[in-house]
Amino acid sequence: MSVSIRLTRQGGKKKPFYRVVAIDKRNRRDGAYLERLGYYDPTLNPPKIVLDLEKIQQWVAKGAQCSETVASLMKKVSSKQS
């Protein structure tokens, strides 16, 4: 099984809210996921990003690949922490 760490869309029409999840690459965008790893709310000013970096690193160590969007969110979170 190949695992991807990517966003899944939640929220209503014109009010997007995204969960960061570990999911089988073959599943659809909003399909069943293996584990929730955080969330991203772009509607706030500034956007709110909450990620469990330890869990993400555990999944990456197991062979999961992050999407480009999740990788950029991780960079933003890590730059805010330092």
PDB file of N, CA and C in Angstrom:
ATOM      1  N   MET A   1       0.859  -1.189   0.000  1.00  0.00           N
ATOM      2  CA  MET A   1       0.000   0.000   0.000  1.00  0.00           C
ATOM      3  C   MET A   1       0.894   1.238   0.000  1.00  0.00           C
ATOM      4  N   SER A   2       0.621   2.150  -0.908  1.00  0.00           N
ATOM      5  CA  SER A   2       1.379   3.396  -0.952  1.00  0.00           C
ATOM      6  C   SER A   2       0.558   4.495  -0.275  1.00  0.00           C
ATOM      7  N   VAL A   3       1.192   5.163   0.668  1.00  0.00           N
ATOM      8  CA  VAL A   3       0.502   6.165   1.488  1.00  0.00           C
ATOM      9  C   VAL A   3       0.956   7.561   1.086  1.00  0.00           C
ATOM     10  N   SER A   4       0.006   8.477   1.068  1.00  0.00           N
ATOM     11  CA  SER A   4       0.267   9.875   0.755  1.00  0.00           C
ATOM     12  C   SER A   4      -0.240  10.731   1.901  1.00  0.00           C
ATOM     13  N   ILE A   5       0.431  11.823   2.171  1.00  0.00           N
ATOM     14  CA  ILE A   5      -0.030  12.807   3.154  1.00  0.00           C
ATOM     15  C   ILE A   5      -0.507  14.000   2.352  1.00  0.00           C
ATOM     16  N   ARG A   6      -1.815  14.243   2.399  1.00  0.00           N
ATOM     17  CA  ARG A   6      -2.408  15.285   1.564  1.00  0.00           C
ATOM     18  C   ARG A   6      -3.609  15.914   2.253  1.00  0.00           C
ATOM     19  N   LEU A   7      -4.207  16.908   1.583  1.00  0.00           N
ATOM     20  CA  LEU A   7      -5.367  17.607   2.127  1.00  0.00           C
ATOM     21  C   LEU A   7      -6.654  16.928   1.682  1.00  0.00           C
ATOM     22  N   THR A   8      -7.652  16.946   2.552  1.00  0.00           N
ATOM     23  CA  THR A   8      -9.000  16.530   2.204  1.00  0.00           C
ATOM     24  C   THR A   8      -9.929  17.685   2.558  1.00  0.00           C
ATOM     25  N   ARG A   9     -10.855  17.996   1.662  1.00  0.00           N
ATOM     26  CA  ARG A   9     -11.689  19.193   1.824  1.00  0.00           C
ATOM     27  C   ARG A   9     -12.880  18.914   2.730  1.00  0.00           C
ATOM     28  N   GLN A  10     -13.133  19.846   3.626  1.00  0.00           N
ATOM     29  CA  GLN A  10     -14.288  19.826   4.509  1.00  0.00           C
ATOM     30  C   GLN A  10     -14.969  21.176   4.378  1.00  0.00           C
ATOM     31  N   GLY A  11     -16.011  21.412   5.139  1.00  0.00           N
ATOM     32  CA  GLY A  11     -16.662  22.715   5.130  1.00  0.00           C
ATOM     33  C   GLY A  11     -17.713  22.824   4.047  1.00  0.00           C
ATOM     34  N   GLY A  12     -18.413  23.928   4.050  1.00  0.00           N
ATOM     35  CA  GLY A  12     -19.514  24.132   3.122  1.00  0.00           C
ATOM     36  C   GLY A  12     -19.094  24.860   1.866  1.00  0.00           C
ATOM     37  N   LYS A  13     -20.104  25.217   1.086  1.00  0.00           N
ATOM     38  CA  LYS A  13     -19.861  25.929  -0.156  1.00  0.00           C
ATOM     39  C   LYS A  13     -19.258  27.300   0.139  1.00  0.00           C
ATOM     40  N   LYS A  14     -18.160  27.613  -0.524  1.00  0.00           N
ATOM     41  CA  LYS A  14     -17.424  28.878  -0.364  1.00  0.00           C
ATOM     42  C   LYS A  14     -16.860  29.083   1.038  1.00  0.00           C
ATOM     43  N   LYS A  15     -16.796  28.025   1.842  1.00  0.00           N
ATOM     44  CA  LYS A  15     -16.195  28.083   3.179  1.00  0.00           C
ATOM     45  C   LYS A  15     -15.286  26.872   3.355  1.00  0.00           C
ATOM     46  N   PRO A  16     -14.184  26.827   2.608  1.00  0.00           N
ATOM     47  CA  PRO A  16     -13.334  25.640   2.650  1.00  0.00           C
ATOM     48  C   PRO A  16     -12.596  25.491   3.977  1.00  0.00           C
ATOM     49  N   PHE A  17     -12.379  24.257   4.343  1.00  0.00           N
ATOM     50  CA  PHE A  17     -11.634  23.881   5.533  1.00  0.00           C
ATOM     51  C   PHE A  17     -10.982  22.563   5.170  1.00  0.00           C
ATOM     52  N   TYR A  18      -9.701  22.428   5.426  1.00  0.00           N
ATOM     53  CA  TYR A  18      -8.992  21.234   4.976  1.00  0.00           C
ATOM     54  C   TYR A  18      -8.401  20.468   6.151  1.00  0.00           C
ATOM     55  N   ARG A  19      -8.471  19.142   6.076  1.00  0.00           N
ATOM     56  CA  ARG A  19      -7.775  18.283   7.027  1.00  0.00           C
ATOM     57  C   ARG A  19      -6.531  17.747   6.345  1.00  0.00           C
ATOM     58  N   VAL A  20      -5.461  17.640   7.108  1.00  0.00           N
ATOM     59  CA  VAL A  20      -4.237  17.016   6.616  1.00  0.00           C
ATOM     60  C   VAL A  20      -4.313  15.569   7.074  1.00  0.00           C
ATOM     61  N   VAL A  21      -4.282  14.624   6.127  1.00  0.00           N
ATOM     62  CA  VAL A  21      -4.492  13.217   6.453  1.00  0.00           C
ATOM     63  C   VAL A  21      -3.458  12.329   5.783  1.00  0.00           C
ATOM     64  N   ALA A  22      -3.251  11.164   6.400  1.00  0.00           N
ATOM     65  CA  ALA A  22      -2.496  10.084   5.768  1.00  0.00           C
ATOM     66  C   ALA A  22      -3.535   9.193   5.102  1.00  0.00           C
ATOM     67  N   ILE A  23      -3.368   8.962   3.795  1.00  0.00           N
ATOM     68  CA  ILE A  23      -4.394   8.258   3.020  1.00  0.00           C
ATOM     69  C   ILE A  23      -3.729   7.382   1.962  1.00  0.00           C
ATOM     70  N   ASP A  24      -4.384   6.289   1.613  1.00  0.00           N
ATOM     71  CA  ASP A  24      -3.912   5.444   0.523  1.00  0.00           C
ATOM     72  C   ASP A  24      -4.005   6.261  -0.769  1.00  0.00           C
ATOM     73  N   LYS A  25      -2.956   6.257  -1.570  1.00  0.00           N
ATOM     74  CA  LYS A  25      -2.925   7.078  -2.789  1.00  0.00           C
ATOM     75  C   LYS A  25      -4.067   6.763  -3.744  1.00  0.00           C
ATOM     76  N   ARG A  26      -4.572   5.540  -3.693  1.00  0.00           N
ATOM     77  CA  ARG A  26      -5.619   5.138  -4.632  1.00  0.00           C
ATOM     78  C   ARG A  26      -7.004   5.640  -4.222  1.00  0.00           C
ATOM     79  N   ASN A  27      -7.167   6.093  -2.983  1.00  0.00           N
ATOM     80  CA  ASN A  27      -8.465   6.605  -2.535  1.00  0.00           C
ATOM     81  C   ASN A  27      -8.750   7.965  -3.151  1.00  0.00           C
ATOM     82  N   ARG A  28     -10.031   8.301  -3.247  1.00  0.00           N
ATOM     83  CA  ARG A  28     -10.413   9.608  -3.773  1.00  0.00           C
ATOM     84  C   ARG A  28     -10.066  10.697  -2.759  1.00  0.00           C
ATOM     85  N   ARG A  29     -10.167  11.948  -3.184  1.00  0.00           N
ATOM     86  CA  ARG A  29      -9.720  13.079  -2.356  1.00  0.00           C
ATOM     87  C   ARG A  29     -10.367  13.094  -0.978  1.00  0.00           C
ATOM     88  N   ASP A  30     -11.671  12.900  -0.909  1.00  0.00           N
ATOM     89  CA  ASP A  30     -12.382  12.969   0.367  1.00  0.00           C
ATOM     90  C   ASP A  30     -12.762  11.591   0.885  1.00  0.00           C
ATOM     91  N   GLY A  31     -12.030  10.559   0.471  1.00  0.00           N
ATOM     92  CA  GLY A  31     -12.337   9.198   0.886  1.00  0.00           C
ATOM     93  C   GLY A  31     -11.843   8.897   2.288  1.00  0.00           C
ATOM     94  N   ALA A  32     -11.980   7.634   2.679  1.00  0.00           N
ATOM     95  CA  ALA A  32     -11.560   7.187   4.005  1.00  0.00           C
ATOM     96  C   ALA A  32     -10.049   7.346   4.155  1.00  0.00           C
ATOM     97  N   TYR A  33      -9.623   7.856   5.300  1.00  0.00           N
ATOM     98  CA  TYR A  33      -8.198   8.074   5.535  1.00  0.00           C
ATOM     99  C   TYR A  33      -7.713   7.198   6.681  1.00  0.00           C
ATOM    100  N   LEU A  34      -6.394   7.065   6.785  1.00  0.00           N
ATOM    101  CA  LEU A  34      -5.789   6.223   7.810  1.00  0.00           C
ATOM    102  C   LEU A  34      -5.654   6.962   9.135  1.00  0.00           C
ATOM    103  N   GLU A  35      -5.221   8.234   9.064  1.00  0.00           N
ATOM    104  CA  GLU A  35      -5.029   9.022  10.283  1.00  0.00           C
ATOM    105  C   GLU A  35      -5.096  10.510   9.954  1.00  0.00           C
ATOM    106  N   ARG A  36      -5.705  11.268  10.864  1.00  0.00           N
ATOM    107  CA  ARG A  36      -5.747  12.727  10.710  1.00  0.00           C
ATOM    108  C   ARG A  36      -4.507  13.300  11.374  1.00  0.00           C
ATOM    109  N   LEU A  37      -3.820  14.199  10.662  1.00  0.00           N
ATOM    110  CA  LEU A  37      -2.541  14.725  11.130  1.00  0.00           C
ATOM    111  C   LEU A  37      -2.570  16.229  11.408  1.00  0.00           C
ATOM    112  N   GLY A  38      -3.689  16.880  11.148  1.00  0.00           N
ATOM    113  CA  GLY A  38      -3.796  18.313  11.402  1.00  0.00           C
ATOM    114  C   GLY A  38      -4.881  18.915  10.545  1.00  0.00           C
ATOM    115  N   TYR A  39      -4.912  20.250  10.511  1.00  0.00           N
ATOM    116  CA  TYR A  39      -5.888  20.939   9.682  1.00  0.00           C
ATOM    117  C   TYR A  39      -5.350  22.278   9.209  1.00  0.00           C
ATOM    118  N   TYR A  40      -6.047  22.838   8.216  1.00  0.00           N
ATOM    119  CA  TYR A  40      -5.675  24.100   7.590  1.00  0.00           C
ATOM    120  C   TYR A  40      -6.961  24.864   7.286  1.00  0.00           C
ATOM    121  N   ASP A  41      -7.073  26.084   7.829  1.00  0.00           N
ATOM    122  CA  ASP A  41      -8.256  26.910   7.610  1.00  0.00           C
ATOM    123  C   ASP A  41      -7.837  28.190   6.885  1.00  0.00           C
ATOM    124  N   PRO A  42      -8.011  28.224   5.555  1.00  0.00           N
ATOM    125  CA  PRO A  42      -7.570  29.388   4.784  1.00  0.00           C
ATOM    126  C   PRO A  42      -8.516  30.583   4.867  1.00  0.00           C
ATOM    127  N   THR A  43      -9.703  30.418   5.481  1.00  0.00           N
ATOM    128  CA  THR A  43     -10.676  31.509   5.520  1.00  0.00           C
ATOM    129  C   THR A  43     -10.335  32.555   6.571  1.00  0.00           C
ATOM    130  N   LEU A  44      -9.499  32.197   7.544  1.00  0.00           N
ATOM    131  CA  LEU A  44      -9.119  33.142   8.585  1.00  0.00           C
ATOM    132  C   LEU A  44      -8.014  34.058   8.083  1.00  0.00           C
ATOM    133  N   ASN A  45      -7.843  35.196   8.767  1.00  0.00           N
ATOM    134  CA  ASN A  45      -6.767  36.112   8.403  1.00  0.00           C
ATOM    135  C   ASN A  45      -5.907  36.366   9.629  1.00  0.00           C
ATOM    136  N   PRO A  46      -4.698  35.853   9.734  1.00  0.00           N
ATOM    137  CA  PRO A  46      -3.998  34.979   8.799  1.00  0.00           C
ATOM    138  C   PRO A  46      -4.551  33.552   8.848  1.00  0.00           C
ATOM    139  N   PRO A  47      -4.310  32.756   7.802  1.00  0.00           N
ATOM    140  CA  PRO A  47      -4.798  31.372   7.780  1.00  0.00           C
ATOM    141  C   PRO A  47      -4.254  30.576   8.970  1.00  0.00           C
ATOM    142  N   LYS A  48      -5.091  29.686   9.510  1.00  0.00           N
ATOM    143  CA  LYS A  48      -4.689  28.885  10.667  1.00  0.00           C
ATOM    144  C   LYS A  48      -4.205  27.519  10.193  1.00  0.00           C
ATOM    145  N   ILE A  49      -2.994  27.160  10.614  1.00  0.00           N
ATOM    146  CA  ILE A  49      -2.389  25.879  10.252  1.00  0.00           C
ATOM    147  C   ILE A  49      -2.009  25.168  11.540  1.00  0.00           C
ATOM    148  N   VAL A  50      -2.551  23.972  11.744  1.00  0.00           N
ATOM    149  CA  VAL A  50      -2.203  23.155  12.905  1.00  0.00           C
ATOM    150  C   VAL A  50      -1.781  21.789  12.379  1.00  0.00           C
ATOM    151  N   LEU A  51      -0.523  21.410  12.628  1.00  0.00           N
ATOM    152  CA  LEU A  51      -0.003  20.129  12.161  1.00  0.00           C
ATOM    153  C   LEU A  51       0.670  19.393  13.307  1.00  0.00           C
ATOM    154  N   ASP A  52       0.518  18.070  13.334  1.00  0.00           N
ATOM    155  CA  ASP A  52       1.228  17.226  14.285  1.00  0.00           C
ATOM    156  C   ASP A  52       2.488  16.730  13.564  1.00  0.00           C
ATOM    157  N   LEU A  53       3.563  17.504  13.673  1.00  0.00           N
ATOM    158  CA  LEU A  53       4.789  17.222  12.918  1.00  0.00           C
ATOM    159  C   LEU A  53       5.409  15.876  13.298  1.00  0.00           C
ATOM    160  N   GLU A  54       5.257  15.449  14.563  1.00  0.00           N
ATOM    161  CA  GLU A  54       5.804  14.154  14.978  1.00  0.00           C
ATOM    162  C   GLU A  54       5.117  13.007  14.240  1.00  0.00           C
ATOM    163  N   LYS A  55       3.797  13.054  14.158  1.00  0.00           N
ATOM    164  CA  LYS A  55       3.064  12.007  13.446  1.00  0.00           C
ATOM    165  C   LYS A  55       3.390  12.020  11.959  1.00  0.00           C
ATOM    166  N   ILE A  56       3.540  13.221  11.386  1.00  0.00           N
ATOM    167  CA  ILE A  56       3.890  13.319   9.970  1.00  0.00           C
ATOM    168  C   ILE A  56       5.254  12.693   9.730  1.00  0.00           C
ATOM    169  N   GLN A  57       6.219  12.979  10.606  1.00  0.00           N
ATOM    170  CA  GLN A  57       7.554  12.391  10.458  1.00  0.00           C
ATOM    171  C   GLN A  57       7.512  10.871  10.591  1.00  0.00           C
ATOM    172  N   GLN A  58       6.650  10.340  11.463  1.00  0.00           N
ATOM    173  CA  GLN A  58       6.503   8.888  11.594  1.00  0.00           C
ATOM    174  C   GLN A  58       5.994   8.274  10.298  1.00  0.00           C
ATOM    175  N   TRP A  59       5.014   8.921   9.667  1.00  0.00           N
ATOM    176  CA  TRP A  59       4.484   8.421   8.411  1.00  0.00           C
ATOM    177  C   TRP A  59       5.535   8.504   7.297  1.00  0.00           C
ATOM    178  N   VAL A  60       6.294   9.588   7.265  1.00  0.00           N
ATOM    179  CA  VAL A  60       7.338   9.734   6.245  1.00  0.00           C
ATOM    180  C   VAL A  60       8.410   8.659   6.438  1.00  0.00           C
ATOM    181  N   ALA A  61       8.727   8.338   7.692  1.00  0.00           N
ATOM    182  CA  ALA A  61       9.706   7.277   7.969  1.00  0.00           C
ATOM    183  C   ALA A  61       9.204   5.921   7.487  1.00  0.00           C
ATOM    184  N   LYS A  62       7.889   5.742   7.462  1.00  0.00           N
ATOM    185  CA  LYS A  62       7.299   4.484   6.986  1.00  0.00           C
ATOM    186  C   LYS A  62       7.186   4.452   5.462  1.00  0.00           C
ATOM    187  N   GLY A  63       7.499   5.562   4.799  1.00  0.00           N
ATOM    188  CA  GLY A  63       7.490   5.595   3.344  1.00  0.00           C
ATOM    189  C   GLY A  63       6.411   6.459   2.725  1.00  0.00           C
ATOM    190  N   ALA A  64       5.660   7.184   3.517  1.00  0.00           N
ATOM    191  CA  ALA A  64       4.610   8.057   2.979  1.00  0.00           C
ATOM    192  C   ALA A  64       5.241   9.253   2.281  1.00  0.00           C
ATOM    193  N   GLN A  65       4.552   9.765   1.273  1.00  0.00           N
ATOM    194  CA  GLN A  65       5.031  10.935   0.549  1.00  0.00           C
ATOM    195  C   GLN A  65       4.076  12.095   0.770  1.00  0.00           C
ATOM    196  N   CYS A  66       4.625  13.269   1.057  1.00  0.00           N
ATOM    197  CA  CYS A  66       3.813  14.467   1.265  1.00  0.00           C
ATOM    198  C   CYS A  66       3.487  15.107  -0.079  1.00  0.00           C
ATOM    199  N   SER A  67       2.285  15.653  -0.190  1.00  0.00           N
ATOM    200  CA  SER A  67       1.936  16.420  -1.383  1.00  0.00           C
ATOM    201  C   SER A  67       2.694  17.746  -1.339  1.00  0.00           C
ATOM    202  N   GLU A  68       2.738  18.438  -2.465  1.00  0.00           N
ATOM    203  CA  GLU A  68       3.442  19.722  -2.518  1.00  0.00           C
ATOM    204  C   GLU A  68       2.819  20.726  -1.559  1.00  0.00           C
ATOM    205  N   THR A  69       1.495  20.717  -1.463  1.00  0.00           N
ATOM    206  CA  THR A  69       0.797  21.666  -0.597  1.00  0.00           C
ATOM    207  C   THR A  69       1.118  21.401   0.868  1.00  0.00           C
ATOM    208  N   VAL A  70       1.104  20.141   1.267  1.00  0.00           N
ATOM    209  CA  VAL A  70       1.412  19.796   2.658  1.00  0.00           C
ATOM    210  C   VAL A  70       2.860  20.151   2.978  1.00  0.00           C
ATOM    211  N   ALA A  71       3.763  19.920   2.036  1.00  0.00           N
ATOM    212  CA  ALA A  71       5.169  20.269   2.260  1.00  0.00           C
ATOM    213  C   ALA A  71       5.324  21.775   2.475  1.00  0.00           C
ATOM    214  N   SER A  72       4.598  22.588   1.706  1.00  0.00           N
ATOM    215  CA  SER A  72       4.699  24.040   1.887  1.00  0.00           C
ATOM    216  C   SER A  72       4.075  24.467   3.214  1.00  0.00           C
ATOM    217  N   LEU A  73       2.979  23.811   3.637  1.00  0.00           N
ATOM    218  CA  LEU A  73       2.389  24.121   4.940  1.00  0.00           C
ATOM    219  C   LEU A  73       3.357  23.760   6.063  1.00  0.00           C
ATOM    220  N   MET A  74       4.061  22.647   5.924  1.00  0.00           N
ATOM    221  CA  MET A  74       5.034  22.250   6.950  1.00  0.00           C
ATOM    222  C   MET A  74       6.161  23.280   7.051  1.00  0.00           C
ATOM    223  N   LYS A  75       6.602  23.822   5.914  1.00  0.00           N
ATOM    224  CA  LYS A  75       7.643  24.848   5.933  1.00  0.00           C
ATOM    225  C   LYS A  75       7.168  26.097   6.682  1.00  0.00           C
ATOM    226  N   LYS A  76       5.908  26.480   6.437  1.00  0.00           N
ATOM    227  CA  LYS A  76       5.360  27.660   7.104  1.00  0.00           C
ATOM    228  C   LYS A  76       5.272  27.446   8.604  1.00  0.00           C
ATOM    229  N   VAL A  77       4.838  26.255   9.026  1.00  0.00           N
ATOM    230  CA  VAL A  77       4.700  25.967  10.455  1.00  0.00           C
ATOM    231  C   VAL A  77       6.064  25.921  11.119  1.00  0.00           C
ATOM    232  N   SER A  78       7.040  25.276  10.482  1.00  0.00           N
ATOM    233  CA  SER A  78       8.371  25.168  11.077  1.00  0.00           C
ATOM    234  C   SER A  78       9.071  26.537  11.134  1.00  0.00           C
ATOM    235  N   SER A  79       8.808  27.413  10.174  1.00  0.00           N
ATOM    236  CA  SER A  79       9.432  28.746  10.217  1.00  0.00           C
ATOM    237  C   SER A  79       8.816  29.615  11.324  1.00  0.00           C
ATOM    238  N   LYS A  80       7.536  29.391  11.630  1.00  0.00           N
ATOM    239  CA  LYS A  80       6.893  30.134  12.708  1.00  0.00           C
ATOM    240  C   LYS A  80       7.404  29.684  14.079  1.00  0.00           C
ATOM    241  N   GLN A  81       7.732  28.387  14.202  1.00  0.00           N
ATOM    242  CA  GLN A  81       8.177  27.857  15.482  1.00  0.00           C
ATOM    243  C   GLN A  81       9.590  28.305  15.820  1.00  0.00           C
ATOM    244  N   SER A  82      10.420  28.542  14.824  1.00  0.00           N
ATOM    245  CA  SER A  82      11.816  28.913  15.114  1.00  0.00           C
ATOM    246  C   SER A  82      12.025  30.399  15.175  1.00  0.00           C
TER     247      SER A  82
END
